[in-house]
Amino acid sequence: MSKLSLSWLICTIMVEVNRSDTEAFHLYEKAVIQGHADTQFDAGVIYEHGRSVKQSNTEALRWLTQAFELGQLLAQQQLISISTIAAEA
């Protein structure tokens, strides 16, 4: 089982046993820290939109940049999107 599949499975179990989405995300984040580009991309998007965590462009940029550096090409598009929104603000 891939790290991504395992981490999402853990999150699903956490939510199903009545733990909060925030607790589930923090468990997921442990998998993100291990350096899997797709999970880092997901974490960036989660922080960008504030899903289950407090919205943070700083954290979004951190994880999206790391994902891009590991070759996750969608992360580049997301970084451009965040930069464009920040420039318009």
N, C-alpha and C. Protein backbone atom coordinates (compact mmCIF):
# COMPACT_ATOMS: atom_id res chain seq x y z
N MET A 1 0.85 -1.18 0.00
CA MET A 1 0.00 0.00 0.00
C MET A 1 0.90 1.24 0.00
N SER A 2 0.57 2.21 -0.84
CA SER A 2 1.37 3.43 -0.92
C SER A 2 1.16 4.28 0.33
N LYS A 3 2.10 5.22 0.55
CA LYS A 3 1.98 6.13 1.69
C LYS A 3 0.69 6.94 1.61
N LEU A 4 0.35 7.36 0.38
CA LEU A 4 -0.86 8.16 0.19
C LEU A 4 -2.09 7.36 0.58
N SER A 5 -2.19 6.13 0.09
CA SER A 5 -3.34 5.29 0.41
C SER A 5 -3.42 5.01 1.89
N LEU A 6 -2.29 4.70 2.49
CA LEU A 6 -2.25 4.41 3.92
C LEU A 6 -2.66 5.63 4.74
N SER A 7 -2.15 6.79 4.37
CA SER A 7 -2.47 7.98 5.14
C SER A 7 -3.95 8.34 5.03
N TRP A 8 -4.54 8.20 3.83
CA TRP A 8 -5.98 8.48 3.70
C TRP A 8 -6.80 7.45 4.46
N LEU A 9 -6.34 6.20 4.48
CA LEU A 9 -7.03 5.16 5.24
C LEU A 9 -7.02 5.51 6.72
N ILE A 10 -5.89 5.95 7.22
CA ILE A 10 -5.80 6.35 8.62
C ILE A 10 -6.75 7.50 8.92
N CYS A 11 -6.79 8.49 8.05
CA CYS A 11 -7.70 9.62 8.25
C CYS A 11 -9.15 9.17 8.29
N THR A 12 -9.51 8.30 7.39
CA THR A 12 -10.88 7.80 7.33
C THR A 12 -11.23 7.07 8.62
N ILE A 13 -10.33 6.24 9.10
CA ILE A 13 -10.58 5.50 10.34
C ILE A 13 -10.74 6.48 11.50
N MET A 14 -9.87 7.50 11.57
CA MET A 14 -9.95 8.47 12.65
C MET A 14 -11.31 9.16 12.67
N VAL A 15 -11.80 9.56 11.51
CA VAL A 15 -13.09 10.24 11.44
C VAL A 15 -14.21 9.27 11.82
N GLU A 16 -14.11 8.04 11.36
CA GLU A 16 -15.15 7.05 11.64
C GLU A 16 -15.25 6.71 13.12
N VAL A 17 -14.15 6.79 13.85
CA VAL A 17 -14.20 6.48 15.28
C VAL A 17 -14.40 7.75 16.11
N ASN A 18 -15.04 8.74 15.49
CA ASN A 18 -15.46 9.97 16.15
C ASN A 18 -14.31 10.86 16.60
N ARG A 19 -13.21 10.79 15.95
CA ARG A 19 -12.16 11.77 16.19
C ARG A 19 -12.44 12.94 15.25
N SER A 20 -11.93 14.08 15.55
CA SER A 20 -12.20 15.25 14.72
C SER A 20 -11.41 15.21 13.43
N ASP A 21 -11.88 15.97 12.45
CA ASP A 21 -11.15 16.11 11.19
C ASP A 21 -9.75 16.67 11.45
N THR A 22 -9.65 17.57 12.43
CA THR A 22 -8.36 18.18 12.74
C THR A 22 -7.39 17.12 13.26
N GLU A 23 -7.85 16.24 14.13
CA GLU A 23 -6.99 15.16 14.62
C GLU A 23 -6.58 14.25 13.47
N ALA A 24 -7.53 13.96 12.60
CA ALA A 24 -7.23 13.11 11.45
C ALA A 24 -6.18 13.76 10.56
N PHE A 25 -6.32 15.08 10.33
CA PHE A 25 -5.34 15.75 9.49
C PHE A 25 -3.96 15.73 10.12
N HIS A 26 -3.87 15.92 11.42
CA HIS A 26 -2.56 15.91 12.07
C HIS A 26 -1.90 14.54 11.96
N LEU A 27 -2.69 13.49 11.97
CA LEU A 27 -2.14 12.16 11.75
C LEU A 27 -1.68 12.03 10.30
N TYR A 28 -2.47 12.54 9.38
CA TYR A 28 -2.12 12.55 7.95
C TYR A 28 -0.83 13.34 7.73
N GLU A 29 -0.69 14.44 8.46
CA GLU A 29 0.48 15.30 8.30
C GLU A 29 1.77 14.55 8.64
N LYS A 30 1.69 13.58 9.53
CA LYS A 30 2.87 12.78 9.85
C LYS A 30 3.37 12.05 8.60
N ALA A 31 2.44 11.59 7.77
CA ALA A 31 2.82 10.95 6.50
C ALA A 31 3.38 11.98 5.53
N VAL A 32 2.84 13.19 5.57
CA VAL A 32 3.30 14.26 4.70
C VAL A 32 4.77 14.58 4.98
N ILE A 33 5.12 14.65 6.24
CA ILE A 33 6.47 14.99 6.66
C ILE A 33 7.49 13.97 6.16
N GLN A 34 7.05 12.75 5.90
CA GLN A 34 7.95 11.71 5.43
C GLN A 34 8.43 11.94 4.01
N GLY A 35 7.85 12.92 3.31
CA GLY A 35 8.39 13.31 2.02
C GLY A 35 7.73 12.73 0.78
N HIS A 36 6.47 12.41 0.85
CA HIS A 36 5.74 11.91 -0.32
C HIS A 36 5.13 13.11 -1.05
N ALA A 37 5.51 13.32 -2.28
CA ALA A 37 5.12 14.53 -3.03
C ALA A 37 3.60 14.70 -3.12
N ASP A 38 2.86 13.63 -3.37
CA ASP A 38 1.41 13.76 -3.51
C ASP A 38 0.75 14.14 -2.19
N THR A 39 1.22 13.59 -1.08
CA THR A 39 0.63 13.96 0.20
C THR A 39 1.02 15.39 0.57
N GLN A 40 2.22 15.81 0.18
CA GLN A 40 2.62 17.19 0.42
C GLN A 40 1.74 18.15 -0.39
N PHE A 41 1.45 17.78 -1.62
CA PHE A 41 0.55 18.59 -2.46
C PHE A 41 -0.82 18.69 -1.79
N ASP A 42 -1.36 17.55 -1.35
CA ASP A 42 -2.66 17.55 -0.68
C ASP A 42 -2.66 18.44 0.55
N ALA A 43 -1.59 18.37 1.34
CA ALA A 43 -1.49 19.20 2.54
C ALA A 43 -1.49 20.67 2.16
N GLY A 44 -0.79 21.02 1.10
CA GLY A 44 -0.78 22.41 0.65
C GLY A 44 -2.16 22.91 0.29
N VAL A 45 -2.90 22.09 -0.41
CA VAL A 45 -4.27 22.47 -0.80
C VAL A 45 -5.17 22.56 0.44
N ILE A 46 -5.00 21.64 1.36
CA ILE A 46 -5.80 21.66 2.59
C ILE A 46 -5.54 22.94 3.37
N TYR A 47 -4.26 23.33 3.50
CA TYR A 47 -3.94 24.58 4.20
C TYR A 47 -4.42 25.80 3.42
N GLU A 48 -4.32 25.74 2.11
CA GLU A 48 -4.76 26.88 1.29
C GLU A 48 -6.24 27.18 1.51
N HIS A 49 -7.04 26.13 1.60
CA HIS A 49 -8.49 26.29 1.71
C HIS A 49 -9.00 26.20 3.15
N GLY A 50 -8.11 25.87 4.09
CA GLY A 50 -8.53 25.79 5.48
C GLY A 50 -9.48 24.64 5.77
N ARG A 51 -9.24 23.51 5.17
CA ARG A 51 -10.09 22.33 5.40
C ARG A 51 -9.49 21.51 6.54
N SER A 52 -10.20 21.42 7.63
CA SER A 52 -9.79 20.66 8.82
C SER A 52 -8.65 21.31 9.60
N VAL A 53 -8.11 22.39 9.09
CA VAL A 53 -7.04 23.14 9.76
C VAL A 53 -7.32 24.63 9.56
N LYS A 54 -6.64 25.45 10.36
CA LYS A 54 -6.75 26.89 10.16
C LYS A 54 -6.10 27.25 8.83
N GLN A 55 -6.77 28.06 8.02
CA GLN A 55 -6.25 28.46 6.72
C GLN A 55 -4.91 29.16 6.91
N SER A 56 -3.92 28.76 6.11
CA SER A 56 -2.60 29.36 6.22
C SER A 56 -1.91 29.32 4.86
N ASN A 57 -1.76 30.49 4.24
CA ASN A 57 -1.02 30.54 2.98
C ASN A 57 0.45 30.19 3.19
N THR A 58 0.99 30.51 4.36
CA THR A 58 2.38 30.18 4.65
C THR A 58 2.59 28.68 4.62
N GLU A 59 1.72 27.94 5.31
CA GLU A 59 1.83 26.47 5.32
C GLU A 59 1.52 25.90 3.93
N ALA A 60 0.54 26.49 3.25
CA ALA A 60 0.21 26.03 1.90
C ALA A 60 1.44 26.16 0.99
N LEU A 61 2.08 27.31 1.04
CA LEU A 61 3.27 27.53 0.21
C LEU A 61 4.40 26.58 0.59
N ARG A 62 4.56 26.34 1.88
CA ARG A 62 5.60 25.42 2.35
C ARG A 62 5.44 24.03 1.74
N TRP A 63 4.23 23.47 1.88
CA TRP A 63 4.01 22.11 1.40
C TRP A 63 3.95 22.03 -0.12
N LEU A 64 3.36 23.02 -0.76
CA LEU A 64 3.30 23.01 -2.22
C LEU A 64 4.70 23.14 -2.82
N THR A 65 5.54 23.97 -2.22
CA THR A 65 6.92 24.12 -2.71
C THR A 65 7.68 22.81 -2.56
N GLN A 66 7.54 22.16 -1.41
CA GLN A 66 8.23 20.89 -1.22
C GLN A 66 7.73 19.84 -2.21
N ALA A 67 6.43 19.82 -2.44
CA ALA A 67 5.86 18.87 -3.41
C ALA A 67 6.41 19.14 -4.80
N PHE A 68 6.47 20.41 -5.19
CA PHE A 68 7.00 20.76 -6.51
C PHE A 68 8.47 20.36 -6.64
N GLU A 69 9.23 20.58 -5.59
CA GLU A 69 10.65 20.21 -5.62
C GLU A 69 10.85 18.70 -5.76
N LEU A 70 9.84 17.92 -5.36
CA LEU A 70 9.90 16.47 -5.53
C LEU A 70 9.27 16.01 -6.84
N GLY A 71 8.86 16.97 -7.67
CA GLY A 71 8.36 16.63 -9.00
C GLY A 71 6.86 16.58 -9.16
N GLN A 72 6.11 17.06 -8.18
CA GLN A 72 4.65 17.07 -8.28
C GLN A 72 4.25 18.30 -9.10
N LEU A 73 3.91 18.07 -10.37
CA LEU A 73 3.69 19.17 -11.30
C LEU A 73 2.43 19.99 -11.00
N LEU A 74 1.41 19.37 -10.43
CA LEU A 74 0.21 20.13 -10.07
C LEU A 74 0.54 21.17 -9.00
N ALA A 75 1.56 20.91 -8.22
CA ALA A 75 1.96 21.86 -7.18
C ALA A 75 2.40 23.18 -7.81
N GLN A 76 3.05 23.12 -8.96
CA GLN A 76 3.48 24.34 -9.63
C GLN A 76 2.27 25.20 -9.99
N GLN A 77 1.24 24.58 -10.54
CA GLN A 77 0.03 25.32 -10.90
C GLN A 77 -0.61 25.95 -9.67
N GLN A 78 -0.62 25.22 -8.57
CA GLN A 78 -1.21 25.72 -7.34
C GLN A 78 -0.40 26.88 -6.77
N LEU A 79 0.92 26.79 -6.87
CA LEU A 79 1.79 27.88 -6.42
C LEU A 79 1.54 29.15 -7.23
N ILE A 80 1.38 29.00 -8.53
CA ILE A 80 1.08 30.15 -9.38
C ILE A 80 -0.26 30.76 -8.99
N SER A 81 -1.24 29.91 -8.72
CA SER A 81 -2.56 30.37 -8.32
C SER A 81 -2.50 31.18 -7.04
N ILE A 82 -1.80 30.67 -6.04
CA ILE A 82 -1.68 31.37 -4.76
C ILE A 82 -0.95 32.69 -4.95
N SER A 83 0.10 32.69 -5.75
CA SER A 83 0.87 33.91 -6.00
C SER A 83 0.02 34.97 -6.69
N THR A 84 -0.81 34.54 -7.62
CA THR A 84 -1.68 35.47 -8.34
C THR A 84 -2.70 36.08 -7.40
N ILE A 85 -3.29 35.27 -6.54
CA ILE A 85 -4.29 35.75 -5.59
C ILE A 85 -3.64 36.73 -4.61
N ALA A 86 -2.44 36.40 -4.14
CA ALA A 86 -1.73 37.27 -3.19
C ALA A 86 -1.39 38.62 -3.84
N ALA A 87 -1.02 38.59 -5.12
CA ALA A 87 -0.66 39.83 -5.82
C ALA A 87 -1.88 40.72 -6.02
N GLU A 88 -3.05 40.12 -6.17
CA GLU A 88 -4.27 40.89 -6.38
C GLU A 88 -4.80 41.50 -5.09
N ALA A 89 -4.40 40.94 -3.96
CA ALA A 89 -4.93 41.42 -2.66
C ALA A 89 -4.30 42.72 -2.22
